[in-house]
């Protein structure tokens, strides 16, 4: 199960969290500030939008939800496997 975190635009506080884990999606649904942006019907995939004031707060929040450390890929997307 993989969860991704990315910053939409540098000048905004908007982030997206994408996961294919129902367990992580259920946790995000219960948390205040996360709202569902998209759901794939034929493949388990949820995308949530949220706002964080700083990138380190976003990373720490997703780390606490997934229980895993994130790795940054070549495009700057954090991957939690």
Protein backbone atom coordinates (compact mmCIF):
# COMPACT_ATOMS: atom_id res chain seq x y z
CA UNK A 1 0.00 0.00 0.00
CA UNK A 2 1.38 3.36 -1.06
CA UNK A 3 0.47 6.88 0.04
CA UNK A 4 1.67 10.00 -1.80
CA UNK A 5 1.84 13.58 -0.54
CA UNK A 6 2.44 16.52 -2.85
CA UNK A 7 2.27 20.30 -2.68
CA UNK A 8 0.03 21.78 -5.39
CA UNK A 9 1.72 25.16 -5.84
CA UNK A 10 4.59 26.74 -4.01
CA UNK A 11 2.66 29.95 -3.26
CA UNK A 12 -0.32 28.15 -1.64
CA UNK A 13 -0.92 25.96 1.40
CA UNK A 14 -2.81 23.32 -0.66
CA UNK A 15 -1.64 19.72 -0.54
CA UNK A 16 -2.96 16.46 -1.97
CA UNK A 17 -2.74 13.02 -0.38
CA UNK A 18 -3.31 9.97 -2.57
CA UNK A 19 -3.64 6.45 -1.20
CA UNK A 20 -4.67 3.00 -2.33
CA UNK A 21 -5.13 1.75 1.24
CA UNK A 22 -8.69 1.62 2.58
CA UNK A 23 -7.30 1.77 6.14
CA UNK A 24 -5.40 5.02 5.46
CA UNK A 25 -8.39 6.47 3.57
CA UNK A 26 -10.66 5.75 6.55
CA UNK A 27 -8.20 7.51 8.88
CA UNK A 28 -8.07 10.55 6.58
CA UNK A 29 -11.88 10.68 6.36
CA UNK A 30 -12.07 10.93 10.16
CA UNK A 31 -9.47 13.69 10.44
CA UNK A 32 -10.53 17.30 10.40
CA UNK A 33 -9.21 19.29 7.44
CA UNK A 34 -9.02 16.43 4.95
CA UNK A 35 -11.70 16.27 2.27
CA UNK A 36 -12.10 13.79 -0.57
CA UNK A 37 -11.23 15.26 -3.98
CA UNK A 38 -11.47 12.12 -6.11
CA UNK A 39 -12.28 8.42 -5.87
CA UNK A 40 -11.50 5.76 -8.47
CA UNK A 41 -14.39 3.35 -8.83
CA UNK A 42 -12.70 0.38 -10.49
CA UNK A 43 -9.44 0.54 -8.52
CA UNK A 44 -9.13 1.34 -4.82
CA UNK A 45 -7.76 4.88 -4.94
CA UNK A 46 -8.63 7.97 -2.89
CA UNK A 47 -7.29 11.52 -3.29
CA UNK A 48 -7.75 14.00 -0.45
CA UNK A 49 -7.12 17.74 -0.41
CA UNK A 50 -5.89 19.52 2.70
CA UNK A 51 -4.09 22.65 3.83
CA UNK A 52 -0.94 22.97 5.91
CA UNK A 53 0.94 26.14 6.79
CA UNK A 54 4.37 24.49 6.41
CA UNK A 55 5.71 21.44 4.55
CA UNK A 56 7.24 19.94 7.70
CA UNK A 57 3.81 19.87 9.38
CA UNK A 58 2.36 18.10 6.33
CA UNK A 59 5.12 15.47 6.40
CA UNK A 60 4.76 14.91 10.14
CA UNK A 61 0.97 14.52 9.88
CA UNK A 62 1.12 11.96 7.08
CA UNK A 63 3.91 10.10 8.88
CA UNK A 64 1.72 9.80 11.98
CA UNK A 65 -1.22 8.55 9.90
CA UNK A 66 0.75 5.99 7.87
CA UNK A 67 3.31 5.04 10.51
CA UNK A 68 6.08 5.16 7.90
CA UNK A 69 8.87 7.50 6.87
CA UNK A 70 8.50 9.27 3.56
CA UNK A 71 10.93 9.19 0.66
CA UNK A 72 11.13 12.02 -1.88
CA UNK A 73 11.10 11.05 -5.56
CA UNK A 74 12.70 12.98 -8.43
CA UNK A 75 9.65 15.25 -8.83
CA UNK A 76 9.44 16.21 -5.15
CA UNK A 77 6.53 13.92 -4.26
CA UNK A 78 6.76 12.22 -0.86
CA UNK A 79 6.09 8.48 -1.00
CA UNK A 80 5.09 6.50 2.11
CA UNK A 81 5.41 2.74 1.47
